[in-house]
Amino acid sequence: MNYVQRIRALREDNDMTQMKIAQLLQVGQKTYSDYELGKTRIPIDSLIVLARLYNVSMDYICGVSDTRKPFPQKLK
């Protein structure tokens, strides 16, 4: 699964709309839709926001791994 499929699956699994995610990423709904359709590459900082939101590792959200690990917490 690539990141395009993964971000859509995660959004749907969390019962969130494209509009809600677009607001969180501070982009328009059309832009976010283009991310999910693979028409526009999603910026890395937006992938980080999504990984934090869904509490999954960057490896998982990017499709590098199918193992769903939590987003790493900052060391104090």
PDB file of N, CA and C in Angstrom:
ATOM      1  N   MET A   1       0.853  -1.178   0.000  1.00  0.00           N
ATOM      2  CA  MET A   1       0.000   0.000   0.000  1.00  0.00           C
ATOM      3  C   MET A   1       0.899   1.241   0.000  1.00  0.00           C
ATOM      4  N   ASN A   2       0.623   2.190  -0.875  1.00  0.00           N
ATOM      5  CA  ASN A   2       1.427   3.412  -0.893  1.00  0.00           C
ATOM      6  C   ASN A   2       0.783   4.486  -0.016  1.00  0.00           C
ATOM      7  N   TYR A   3       1.468   5.612   0.125  1.00  0.00           N
ATOM      8  CA  TYR A   3       0.991   6.630   1.059  1.00  0.00           C
ATOM      9  C   TYR A   3      -0.362   7.212   0.639  1.00  0.00           C
ATOM     10  N   VAL A   4      -0.637   7.269  -0.651  1.00  0.00           N
ATOM     11  CA  VAL A   4      -1.914   7.794  -1.139  1.00  0.00           C
ATOM     12  C   VAL A   4      -3.060   6.920  -0.626  1.00  0.00           C
ATOM     13  N   GLN A   5      -2.908   5.625  -0.763  1.00  0.00           N
ATOM     14  CA  GLN A   5      -3.931   4.702  -0.265  1.00  0.00           C
ATOM     15  C   GLN A   5      -3.987   4.733   1.262  1.00  0.00           C
ATOM     16  N   ARG A   6      -2.820   4.848   1.882  1.00  0.00           N
ATOM     17  CA  ARG A   6      -2.749   4.802   3.340  1.00  0.00           C
ATOM     18  C   ARG A   6      -3.434   6.009   3.972  1.00  0.00           C
ATOM     19  N   ILE A   7      -3.213   7.230   3.434  1.00  0.00           N
ATOM     20  CA  ILE A   7      -3.828   8.401   4.071  1.00  0.00           C
ATOM     21  C   ILE A   7      -5.352   8.371   3.926  1.00  0.00           C
ATOM     22  N   ARG A   8      -5.827   7.823   2.827  1.00  0.00           N
ATOM     23  CA  ARG A   8      -7.281   7.709   2.668  1.00  0.00           C
ATOM     24  C   ARG A   8      -7.841   6.671   3.629  1.00  0.00           C
ATOM     25  N   ALA A   9      -7.191   5.515   3.713  1.00  0.00           N
ATOM     26  CA  ALA A   9      -7.656   4.457   4.606  1.00  0.00           C
ATOM     27  C   ALA A   9      -7.661   4.932   6.062  1.00  0.00           C
ATOM     28  N   LEU A  10      -6.616   5.624   6.471  1.00  0.00           N
ATOM     29  CA  LEU A  10      -6.549   6.125   7.843  1.00  0.00           C
ATOM     30  C   LEU A  10      -7.655   7.134   8.109  1.00  0.00           C
ATOM     31  N   ARG A  11      -7.893   8.023   7.159  1.00  0.00           N
ATOM     32  CA  ARG A  11      -8.960   9.017   7.325  1.00  0.00           C
ATOM     33  C   ARG A  11     -10.316   8.323   7.464  1.00  0.00           C
ATOM     34  N   GLU A  12     -10.580   7.373   6.588  1.00  0.00           N
ATOM     35  CA  GLU A  12     -11.862   6.666   6.634  1.00  0.00           C
ATOM     36  C   GLU A  12     -12.000   5.824   7.896  1.00  0.00           C
ATOM     37  N   ASP A  13     -10.914   5.177   8.315  1.00  0.00           N
ATOM     38  CA  ASP A  13     -10.945   4.371   9.549  1.00  0.00           C
ATOM     39  C   ASP A  13     -11.257   5.228  10.770  1.00  0.00           C
ATOM     40  N   ASN A  14     -10.890   6.500  10.699  1.00  0.00           N
ATOM     41  CA  ASN A  14     -11.119   7.420  11.822  1.00  0.00           C
ATOM     42  C   ASN A  14     -12.370   8.276  11.628  1.00  0.00           C
ATOM     43  N   ASP A  15     -13.192   7.906  10.643  1.00  0.00           N
ATOM     44  CA  ASP A  15     -14.460   8.603  10.383  1.00  0.00           C
ATOM     45  C   ASP A  15     -14.293  10.114  10.264  1.00  0.00           C
ATOM     46  N   MET A  16     -13.274  10.525   9.510  1.00  0.00           N
ATOM     47  CA  MET A  16     -13.028  11.945   9.302  1.00  0.00           C
ATOM     48  C   MET A  16     -13.289  12.308   7.844  1.00  0.00           C
ATOM     49  N   THR A  17     -13.706  13.523   7.622  1.00  0.00           N
ATOM     50  CA  THR A  17     -13.961  13.993   6.264  1.00  0.00           C
ATOM     51  C   THR A  17     -12.708  14.623   5.678  1.00  0.00           C
ATOM     52  N   GLN A  18     -12.674  14.704   4.364  1.00  0.00           N
ATOM     53  CA  GLN A  18     -11.577  15.405   3.705  1.00  0.00           C
ATOM     54  C   GLN A  18     -11.530  16.852   4.164  1.00  0.00           C
ATOM     55  N   MET A  19     -12.685  17.465   4.355  1.00  0.00           N
ATOM     56  CA  MET A  19     -12.737  18.869   4.783  1.00  0.00           C
ATOM     57  C   MET A  19     -12.080  19.048   6.144  1.00  0.00           C
ATOM     58  N   LYS A  20     -12.349  18.143   7.082  1.00  0.00           N
ATOM     59  CA  LYS A  20     -11.764  18.234   8.428  1.00  0.00           C
ATOM     60  C   LYS A  20     -10.243  18.100   8.363  1.00  0.00           C
ATOM     61  N   ILE A  21      -9.760  17.138   7.595  1.00  0.00           N
ATOM     62  CA  ILE A  21      -8.310  16.949   7.471  1.00  0.00           C
ATOM     63  C   ILE A  21      -7.684  18.146   6.772  1.00  0.00           C
ATOM     64  N   ALA A  22      -8.341  18.651   5.739  1.00  0.00           N
ATOM     65  CA  ALA A  22      -7.837  19.826   5.029  1.00  0.00           C
ATOM     66  C   ALA A  22      -7.698  21.008   5.984  1.00  0.00           C
ATOM     67  N   GLN A  23      -8.666  21.199   6.862  1.00  0.00           N
ATOM     68  CA  GLN A  23      -8.593  22.282   7.840  1.00  0.00           C
ATOM     69  C   GLN A  23      -7.408  22.092   8.772  1.00  0.00           C
ATOM     70  N   LEU A  24      -7.188  20.863   9.226  1.00  0.00           N
ATOM     71  CA  LEU A  24      -6.048  20.580  10.111  1.00  0.00           C
ATOM     72  C   LEU A  24      -4.717  20.868   9.425  1.00  0.00           C
ATOM     73  N   LEU A  25      -4.661  20.582   8.118  1.00  0.00           N
ATOM     74  CA  LEU A  25      -3.423  20.798   7.361  1.00  0.00           C
ATOM     75  C   LEU A  25      -3.330  22.220   6.805  1.00  0.00           C
ATOM     76  N   GLN A  26      -4.382  22.997   7.008  1.00  0.00           N
ATOM     77  CA  GLN A  26      -4.469  24.374   6.520  1.00  0.00           C
ATOM     78  C   GLN A  26      -4.335  24.459   5.004  1.00  0.00           C
ATOM     79  N   VAL A  27      -5.067  23.570   4.343  1.00  0.00           N
ATOM     80  CA  VAL A  27      -5.153  23.580   2.877  1.00  0.00           C
ATOM     81  C   VAL A  27      -6.629  23.484   2.509  1.00  0.00           C
ATOM     82  N   GLY A  28      -6.937  23.713   1.254  1.00  0.00           N
ATOM     83  CA  GLY A  28      -8.307  23.565   0.792  1.00  0.00           C
ATOM     84  C   GLY A  28      -8.688  22.101   0.650  1.00  0.00           C
ATOM     85  N   GLN A  29      -9.991  21.843   0.656  1.00  0.00           N
ATOM     86  CA  GLN A  29     -10.476  20.475   0.508  1.00  0.00           C
ATOM     87  C   GLN A  29     -10.051  19.890  -0.837  1.00  0.00           C
ATOM     88  N   LYS A  30     -10.042  20.697  -1.883  1.00  0.00           N
ATOM     89  CA  LYS A  30      -9.626  20.236  -3.211  1.00  0.00           C
ATOM     90  C   LYS A  30      -8.157  19.809  -3.189  1.00  0.00           C
ATOM     91  N   THR A  31      -7.327  20.572  -2.506  1.00  0.00           N
ATOM     92  CA  THR A  31      -5.904  20.215  -2.392  1.00  0.00           C
ATOM     93  C   THR A  31      -5.754  18.886  -1.680  1.00  0.00           C
ATOM     94  N   TYR A  32      -6.483  18.720  -0.571  1.00  0.00           N
ATOM     95  CA  TYR A  32      -6.386  17.444   0.148  1.00  0.00           C
ATOM     96  C   TYR A  32      -6.900  16.294  -0.711  1.00  0.00           C
ATOM     97  N   SER A  33      -7.970  16.532  -1.443  1.00  0.00           N
ATOM     98  CA  SER A  33      -8.497  15.516  -2.355  1.00  0.00           C
ATOM     99  C   SER A  33      -7.432  15.121  -3.377  1.00  0.00           C
ATOM    100  N   ASP A  34      -6.714  16.107  -3.877  1.00  0.00           N
ATOM    101  CA  ASP A  34      -5.626  15.829  -4.830  1.00  0.00           C
ATOM    102  C   ASP A  34      -4.519  14.999  -4.186  1.00  0.00           C
ATOM    103  N   TYR A  35      -4.259  15.197  -2.887  1.00  0.00           N
ATOM    104  CA  TYR A  35      -3.289  14.358  -2.175  1.00  0.00           C
ATOM    105  C   TYR A  35      -3.743  12.900  -2.212  1.00  0.00           C
ATOM    106  N   GLU A  36      -5.018  12.678  -1.863  1.00  0.00           N
ATOM    107  CA  GLU A  36      -5.540  11.313  -1.804  1.00  0.00           C
ATOM    108  C   GLU A  36      -5.625  10.654  -3.180  1.00  0.00           C
ATOM    109  N   LEU A  37      -5.792  11.463  -4.206  1.00  0.00           N
ATOM    110  CA  LEU A  37      -5.867  10.923  -5.566  1.00  0.00           C
ATOM    111  C   LEU A  37      -4.493  10.760  -6.204  1.00  0.00           C
ATOM    112  N   GLY A  38      -3.466  11.251  -5.530  1.00  0.00           N
ATOM    113  CA  GLY A  38      -2.109  11.154  -6.068  1.00  0.00           C
ATOM    114  C   GLY A  38      -1.817  12.182  -7.149  1.00  0.00           C
ATOM    115  N   LYS A  39      -2.676  13.184  -7.287  1.00  0.00           N
ATOM    116  CA  LYS A  39      -2.447  14.231  -8.283  1.00  0.00           C
ATOM    117  C   LYS A  39      -1.408  15.237  -7.820  1.00  0.00           C
ATOM    118  N   THR A  40      -1.317  15.409  -6.517  1.00  0.00           N
ATOM    119  CA  THR A  40      -0.370  16.338  -5.908  1.00  0.00           C
ATOM    120  C   THR A  40       0.358  15.610  -4.788  1.00  0.00           C
ATOM    121  N   ARG A  41       1.672  15.778  -4.737  1.00  0.00           N
ATOM    122  CA  ARG A  41       2.436  15.155  -3.643  1.00  0.00           C
ATOM    123  C   ARG A  41       2.181  15.899  -2.347  1.00  0.00           C
ATOM    124  N   ILE A  42       1.966  15.139  -1.301  1.00  0.00           N
ATOM    125  CA  ILE A  42       1.710  15.740  -0.002  1.00  0.00           C
ATOM    126  C   ILE A  42       3.049  16.141   0.631  1.00  0.00           C
ATOM    127  N   PRO A  43       3.157  17.351   1.145  1.00  0.00           N
ATOM    128  CA  PRO A  43       4.413  17.784   1.773  1.00  0.00           C
ATOM    129  C   PRO A  43       4.732  16.944   3.012  1.00  0.00           C
ATOM    130  N   ILE A  44       6.015  16.795   3.279  1.00  0.00           N
ATOM    131  CA  ILE A  44       6.454  15.976   4.410  1.00  0.00           C
ATOM    132  C   ILE A  44       5.913  16.507   5.733  1.00  0.00           C
ATOM    133  N   ASP A  45       5.834  17.820   5.885  1.00  0.00           N
ATOM    134  CA  ASP A  45       5.320  18.353   7.141  1.00  0.00           C
ATOM    135  C   ASP A  45       3.849  17.983   7.335  1.00  0.00           C
ATOM    136  N   SER A  46       3.110  17.865   6.258  1.00  0.00           N
ATOM    137  CA  SER A  46       1.713  17.423   6.352  1.00  0.00           C
ATOM    138  C   SER A  46       1.631  15.937   6.694  1.00  0.00           C
ATOM    139  N   LEU A  47       2.542  15.139   6.154  1.00  0.00           N
ATOM    140  CA  LEU A  47       2.583  13.717   6.518  1.00  0.00           C
ATOM    141  C   LEU A  47       2.873  13.546   8.006  1.00  0.00           C
ATOM    142  N   ILE A  48       3.738  14.387   8.535  1.00  0.00           N
ATOM    143  CA  ILE A  48       4.059  14.325   9.965  1.00  0.00           C
ATOM    144  C   ILE A  48       2.826  14.664  10.790  1.00  0.00           C
ATOM    145  N   VAL A  49       2.093  15.693  10.389  1.00  0.00           N
ATOM    146  CA  VAL A  49       0.859  16.058  11.092  1.00  0.00           C
ATOM    147  C   VAL A  49      -0.120  14.891  11.080  1.00  0.00           C
ATOM    148  N   LEU A  50      -0.268  14.238   9.924  1.00  0.00           N
ATOM    149  CA  LEU A  50      -1.186  13.106   9.827  1.00  0.00           C
ATOM    150  C   LEU A  50      -0.719  11.919  10.665  1.00  0.00           C
ATOM    151  N   ALA A  51       0.578  11.653  10.662  1.00  0.00           N
ATOM    152  CA  ALA A  51       1.112  10.550  11.469  1.00  0.00           C
ATOM    153  C   ALA A  51       0.841  10.792  12.950  1.00  0.00           C
ATOM    154  N   ARG A  52       1.022  12.031  13.385  1.00  0.00           N
ATOM    155  CA  ARG A  52       0.722  12.373  14.788  1.00  0.00           C
ATOM    156  C   ARG A  52      -0.771  12.228  15.068  1.00  0.00           C
ATOM    157  N   LEU A  53      -1.585  12.754  14.166  1.00  0.00           N
ATOM    158  CA  LEU A  53      -3.033  12.702  14.339  1.00  0.00           C
ATOM    159  C   LEU A  53      -3.525  11.264  14.489  1.00  0.00           C
ATOM    160  N   TYR A  54      -3.066  10.389  13.607  1.00  0.00           N
ATOM    161  CA  TYR A  54      -3.512   8.996  13.616  1.00  0.00           C
ATOM    162  C   TYR A  54      -2.671   8.104  14.532  1.00  0.00           C
ATOM    163  N   ASN A  55      -1.633   8.681  15.141  1.00  0.00           N
ATOM    164  CA  ASN A  55      -0.719   7.967  16.034  1.00  0.00           C
ATOM    165  C   ASN A  55      -0.129   6.726  15.365  1.00  0.00           C
ATOM    166  N   VAL A  56       0.458   6.955  14.187  1.00  0.00           N
ATOM    167  CA  VAL A  56       1.151   5.893  13.455  1.00  0.00           C
ATOM    168  C   VAL A  56       2.540   6.390  13.072  1.00  0.00           C
ATOM    169  N   SER A  57       3.448   5.465  12.861  1.00  0.00           N
ATOM    170  CA  SER A  57       4.806   5.839  12.481  1.00  0.00           C
ATOM    171  C   SER A  57       4.841   6.380  11.054  1.00  0.00           C
ATOM    172  N   MET A  58       5.892   7.107  10.742  1.00  0.00           N
ATOM    173  CA  MET A  58       6.077   7.617   9.385  1.00  0.00           C
ATOM    174  C   MET A  58       6.270   6.455   8.412  1.00  0.00           C
ATOM    175  N   ASP A  59       6.917   5.390   8.842  1.00  0.00           N
ATOM    176  CA  ASP A  59       7.077   4.212   7.984  1.00  0.00           C
ATOM    177  C   ASP A  59       5.723   3.663   7.567  1.00  0.00           C
ATOM    178  N   TYR A  60       4.800   3.630   8.513  1.00  0.00           N
ATOM    179  CA  TYR A  60       3.467   3.104   8.219  1.00  0.00           C
ATOM    180  C   TYR A  60       2.698   4.040   7.289  1.00  0.00           C
ATOM    181  N   ILE A  61       2.662   5.319   7.623  1.00  0.00           N
ATOM    182  CA  ILE A  61       1.872   6.251   6.824  1.00  0.00           C
ATOM    183  C   ILE A  61       2.421   6.389   5.404  1.00  0.00           C
ATOM    184  N   CYS A  62       3.733   6.217   5.244  1.00  0.00           N
ATOM    185  CA  CYS A  62       4.348   6.326   3.911  1.00  0.00           C
ATOM    186  C   CYS A  62       4.269   5.026   3.120  1.00  0.00           C
ATOM    187  N   GLY A  63       3.805   3.962   3.758  1.00  0.00           N
ATOM    188  CA  GLY A  63       3.658   2.692   3.061  1.00  0.00           C
ATOM    189  C   GLY A  63       4.924   1.863   3.013  1.00  0.00           C
ATOM    190  N   VAL A  64       5.940   2.256   3.778  1.00  0.00           N
ATOM    191  CA  VAL A  64       7.193   1.508   3.827  1.00  0.00           C
ATOM    192  C   VAL A  64       7.021   0.229   4.636  1.00  0.00           C
ATOM    193  N   SER A  65       6.150   0.297   5.643  1.00  0.00           N
ATOM    194  CA  SER A  65       5.911  -0.847   6.517  1.00  0.00           C
ATOM    195  C   SER A  65       4.404  -1.061   6.674  1.00  0.00           C
ATOM    196  N   ASP A  66       4.012  -2.298   6.837  1.00  0.00           N
ATOM    197  CA  ASP A  66       2.610  -2.603   7.111  1.00  0.00           C
ATOM    198  C   ASP A  66       2.365  -2.794   8.606  1.00  0.00           C
ATOM    199  N   THR A  67       3.418  -2.635   9.401  1.00  0.00           N
ATOM    200  CA  THR A  67       3.302  -2.763  10.847  1.00  0.00           C
ATOM    201  C   THR A  67       2.898  -1.411  11.421  1.00  0.00           C
ATOM    202  N   ARG A  68       1.768  -1.400  12.081  1.00  0.00           N
ATOM    203  CA  ARG A  68       1.231  -0.149  12.610  1.00  0.00           C
ATOM    204  C   ARG A  68       1.820   0.120  13.993  1.00  0.00           C
ATOM    205  N   LYS A  69       2.872   0.939  14.019  1.00  0.00           N
ATOM    206  CA  LYS A  69       3.510   1.329  15.264  1.00  0.00           C
ATOM    207  C   LYS A  69       3.083   2.749  15.627  1.00  0.00           C
ATOM    208  N   PRO A  70       3.058   3.088  16.924  1.00  0.00           N
ATOM    209  CA  PRO A  70       2.664   4.444  17.302  1.00  0.00           C
ATOM    210  C   PRO A  70       3.705   5.484  16.904  1.00  0.00           C
ATOM    211  N   PHE A  71       3.240   6.716  16.752  1.00  0.00           N
ATOM    212  CA  PHE A  71       4.139   7.820  16.442  1.00  0.00           C
ATOM    213  C   PHE A  71       5.088   7.998  17.623  1.00  0.00           C
ATOM    214  N   PRO A  72       6.376   8.158  17.362  1.00  0.00           N
ATOM    215  CA  PRO A  72       7.336   8.288  18.471  1.00  0.00           C
ATOM    216  C   PRO A  72       7.081   9.535  19.297  1.00  0.00           C
ATOM    217  N   GLN A  73       7.172   9.375  20.585  1.00  0.00           N
ATOM    218  CA  GLN A  73       7.018  10.504  21.508  1.00  0.00           C
ATOM    219  C   GLN A  73       8.359  11.170  21.721  1.00  0.00           C
ATOM    220  N   LYS A  74       8.336  12.473  21.947  1.00  0.00           N
ATOM    221  CA  LYS A  74       9.574  13.211  22.218  1.00  0.00           C
ATOM    222  C   LYS A  74      10.132  12.785  23.570  1.00  0.00           C
ATOM    223  N   LEU A  75      11.440  12.672  23.630  1.00  0.00           N
ATOM    224  CA  LEU A  75      12.087  12.392  24.901  1.00  0.00           C
ATOM    225  C   LEU A  75      12.116  13.657  25.728  1.00  0.00           C
ATOM    226  N   LYS A  76      11.901  13.503  27.017  1.00  0.00           N
ATOM    227  CA  LYS A  76      11.881  14.684  27.902  1.00  0.00           C
ATOM    228  C   LYS A  76      13.210  14.881  28.552  1.00  0.00           C
TER     229      LYS A  76
END
